[in-house]
């Protein structure tokens, strides 16, 4: 999964949540840039296939997407 991320494991040094600015759709593999970014518990949508996901971040700070 290609993505750029900001912050540390789960949050940055100031305690703010980790913000991601893109994701690769698990369903269609399309890269989806998000200009405003997204964080854990946000709901996001693939701009290509339309699938919606709930954002989760695992203990290692990796992005996990759950289909809605």
N, C-alpha and C. Protein backbone atom coordinates (compact mmCIF):
# COMPACT_ATOMS: atom_id res chain seq x y z
N UNK A 1 0.85 -1.17 0.00
CA UNK A 1 0.00 0.00 0.00
C UNK A 1 0.89 1.23 0.00
N UNK A 2 0.77 2.03 -0.98
CA UNK A 2 1.57 3.24 -1.08
C UNK A 2 0.85 4.38 -0.37
N UNK A 3 1.54 5.03 0.53
CA UNK A 3 0.94 6.17 1.20
C UNK A 3 2.01 7.03 1.82
N UNK A 4 1.69 8.28 1.95
CA UNK A 4 2.54 9.20 2.69
C UNK A 4 1.80 9.49 3.99
N UNK A 5 2.52 9.57 5.06
CA UNK A 5 1.88 9.77 6.34
C UNK A 5 2.65 10.79 7.17
N UNK A 6 1.94 11.39 8.10
CA UNK A 6 2.53 12.39 8.98
C UNK A 6 2.30 11.94 10.41
N UNK A 7 3.23 12.23 11.27
CA UNK A 7 3.08 11.90 12.68
C UNK A 7 3.74 10.58 13.01
N UNK A 8 3.76 10.26 14.28
CA UNK A 8 4.37 9.03 14.75
C UNK A 8 3.37 7.92 14.85
N UNK A 9 3.65 6.95 15.70
CA UNK A 9 2.81 5.78 15.84
C UNK A 9 1.47 6.15 16.46
N UNK A 10 0.43 6.26 15.66
CA UNK A 10 -0.89 6.61 16.14
C UNK A 10 -1.11 8.09 16.32
N UNK A 11 -0.06 8.83 16.65
CA UNK A 11 -0.17 10.28 16.82
C UNK A 11 1.21 10.90 16.68
N UNK A 12 1.23 12.23 16.50
CA UNK A 12 2.54 12.88 16.40
C UNK A 12 3.01 13.30 17.79
N UNK A 13 4.14 14.00 17.87
CA UNK A 13 4.72 14.36 19.16
C UNK A 13 3.82 15.26 19.99
N UNK A 14 2.93 16.00 19.35
CA UNK A 14 2.04 16.89 20.09
C UNK A 14 0.75 16.18 20.50
N UNK A 15 0.62 14.88 20.22
CA UNK A 15 -0.55 14.13 20.58
C UNK A 15 -1.66 14.17 19.53
N UNK A 16 -1.41 14.85 18.43
CA UNK A 16 -2.41 14.91 17.35
C UNK A 16 -2.43 13.56 16.63
N UNK A 17 -3.59 13.16 16.11
CA UNK A 17 -3.67 11.87 15.41
C UNK A 17 -2.84 11.86 14.12
N UNK A 18 -2.39 10.68 13.74
CA UNK A 18 -1.63 10.51 12.50
C UNK A 18 -2.55 10.84 11.33
N UNK A 19 -2.04 11.61 10.39
CA UNK A 19 -2.81 12.02 9.21
C UNK A 19 -2.19 11.38 7.97
N UNK A 20 -3.01 10.72 7.16
CA UNK A 20 -2.59 10.14 5.89
C UNK A 20 -3.13 11.02 4.78
N UNK A 21 -2.41 11.11 3.66
CA UNK A 21 -2.91 11.96 2.58
C UNK A 21 -3.17 11.20 1.28
N UNK A 22 -3.05 9.87 1.31
CA UNK A 22 -3.41 9.06 0.16
C UNK A 22 -3.54 7.61 0.58
N UNK A 23 -4.23 6.81 -0.25
CA UNK A 23 -4.31 5.37 0.00
C UNK A 23 -4.54 4.67 -1.33
N UNK A 24 -4.17 3.40 -1.37
CA UNK A 24 -4.46 2.54 -2.52
C UNK A 24 -5.68 1.71 -2.16
N UNK A 25 -6.70 1.77 -2.99
CA UNK A 25 -7.94 1.04 -2.74
C UNK A 25 -7.68 -0.46 -2.74
N UNK A 26 -8.08 -1.17 -1.68
CA UNK A 26 -7.90 -2.62 -1.64
C UNK A 26 -8.74 -3.35 -2.68
N UNK A 27 -9.84 -2.75 -3.12
CA UNK A 27 -10.73 -3.40 -4.07
C UNK A 27 -10.26 -3.25 -5.52
N UNK A 28 -9.93 -2.02 -5.94
CA UNK A 28 -9.57 -1.78 -7.35
C UNK A 28 -8.11 -1.38 -7.54
N UNK A 29 -7.36 -1.22 -6.46
CA UNK A 29 -5.93 -0.87 -6.49
C UNK A 29 -5.62 0.54 -6.97
N UNK A 30 -6.63 1.38 -7.13
CA UNK A 30 -6.41 2.76 -7.58
C UNK A 30 -5.81 3.59 -6.45
N UNK A 31 -4.88 4.48 -6.80
CA UNK A 31 -4.32 5.40 -5.83
C UNK A 31 -5.27 6.58 -5.66
N UNK A 32 -5.56 6.94 -4.41
CA UNK A 32 -6.51 8.00 -4.10
C UNK A 32 -5.84 9.06 -3.24
N UNK A 33 -5.44 10.19 -3.81
CA UNK A 33 -4.90 11.28 -3.00
C UNK A 33 -6.02 12.02 -2.28
N UNK A 34 -5.78 12.39 -1.04
CA UNK A 34 -6.74 13.16 -0.24
C UNK A 34 -6.04 14.43 0.20
N UNK A 35 -6.36 15.54 -0.43
CA UNK A 35 -5.70 16.81 -0.16
C UNK A 35 -5.79 17.25 1.30
N UNK A 36 -6.96 17.05 1.92
CA UNK A 36 -7.15 17.45 3.32
C UNK A 36 -6.66 16.41 4.30
N UNK A 37 -6.35 15.22 3.81
CA UNK A 37 -5.88 14.14 4.66
C UNK A 37 -7.02 13.45 5.37
N UNK A 38 -6.69 12.34 6.03
CA UNK A 38 -7.67 11.59 6.82
C UNK A 38 -6.94 10.89 7.95
N UNK A 39 -7.71 10.56 9.00
CA UNK A 39 -7.13 9.96 10.20
C UNK A 39 -8.01 8.81 10.67
N UNK A 40 -7.59 8.16 11.74
CA UNK A 40 -8.34 7.03 12.28
C UNK A 40 -9.78 7.42 12.57
N UNK A 41 -10.69 6.50 12.27
CA UNK A 41 -12.14 6.61 12.47
C UNK A 41 -12.83 7.45 11.40
N UNK A 42 -12.07 8.06 10.47
CA UNK A 42 -12.71 8.77 9.36
C UNK A 42 -13.29 7.74 8.39
N UNK A 43 -14.28 8.17 7.62
CA UNK A 43 -14.82 7.36 6.54
C UNK A 43 -14.36 7.98 5.23
N UNK A 44 -13.78 7.16 4.37
CA UNK A 44 -13.25 7.65 3.10
C UNK A 44 -13.84 6.82 1.96
N UNK A 45 -13.74 7.35 0.75
CA UNK A 45 -14.30 6.68 -0.42
C UNK A 45 -13.25 6.64 -1.53
N UNK A 46 -13.21 5.52 -2.24
CA UNK A 46 -12.36 5.42 -3.42
C UNK A 46 -13.00 6.26 -4.52
N UNK A 47 -12.21 7.16 -5.10
CA UNK A 47 -12.73 8.04 -6.16
C UNK A 47 -12.97 7.29 -7.47
N UNK A 48 -12.46 6.07 -7.59
CA UNK A 48 -12.57 5.33 -8.84
C UNK A 48 -13.69 4.30 -8.82
N UNK A 49 -13.73 3.44 -7.81
CA UNK A 49 -14.76 2.39 -7.77
C UNK A 49 -15.93 2.74 -6.85
N UNK A 50 -15.76 3.74 -5.98
CA UNK A 50 -16.84 4.18 -5.11
C UNK A 50 -16.95 3.45 -3.78
N UNK A 51 -16.11 2.45 -3.54
CA UNK A 51 -16.16 1.71 -2.28
C UNK A 51 -15.82 2.63 -1.11
N UNK A 52 -16.58 2.51 -0.01
CA UNK A 52 -16.33 3.31 1.19
C UNK A 52 -15.62 2.47 2.24
N UNK A 53 -14.76 3.13 3.02
CA UNK A 53 -13.96 2.45 4.04
C UNK A 53 -13.96 3.25 5.33
N UNK A 54 -13.83 2.54 6.44
CA UNK A 54 -13.57 3.14 7.75
C UNK A 54 -12.09 3.00 8.00
N UNK A 55 -11.43 4.09 8.40
CA UNK A 55 -9.99 4.10 8.60
C UNK A 55 -9.65 3.59 10.00
N UNK A 56 -8.71 2.66 10.05
CA UNK A 56 -8.16 2.17 11.32
C UNK A 56 -6.65 2.20 11.19
N UNK A 57 -5.97 2.40 12.31
CA UNK A 57 -4.51 2.37 12.35
C UNK A 57 -4.10 1.31 13.37
N UNK A 58 -3.28 0.36 12.94
CA UNK A 58 -2.89 -0.72 13.84
C UNK A 58 -1.81 -0.25 14.82
N UNK A 59 -1.38 -1.15 15.70
CA UNK A 59 -0.40 -0.81 16.74
C UNK A 59 0.95 -0.38 16.16
N UNK A 60 1.24 -0.78 14.93
CA UNK A 60 2.50 -0.41 14.27
C UNK A 60 2.38 0.87 13.46
N UNK A 61 1.22 1.53 13.51
CA UNK A 61 1.02 2.77 12.78
C UNK A 61 0.67 2.56 11.32
N UNK A 62 0.31 1.33 10.94
CA UNK A 62 -0.05 1.02 9.55
C UNK A 62 -1.53 1.28 9.31
N UNK A 63 -1.83 1.77 8.13
CA UNK A 63 -3.20 2.06 7.72
C UNK A 63 -3.94 0.76 7.43
N UNK A 64 -5.14 0.62 8.00
CA UNK A 64 -6.02 -0.52 7.74
C UNK A 64 -7.37 0.05 7.32
N UNK A 65 -7.97 -0.51 6.27
CA UNK A 65 -9.25 -0.02 5.78
C UNK A 65 -10.29 -1.11 5.89
N UNK A 66 -11.43 -0.80 6.51
CA UNK A 66 -12.52 -1.75 6.66
C UNK A 66 -13.66 -1.32 5.75
N UNK A 67 -14.13 -2.24 4.88
CA UNK A 67 -15.23 -1.91 3.96
C UNK A 67 -16.49 -1.60 4.75
N UNK A 68 -17.21 -0.59 4.28
CA UNK A 68 -18.50 -0.23 4.89
C UNK A 68 -19.63 -0.79 4.05
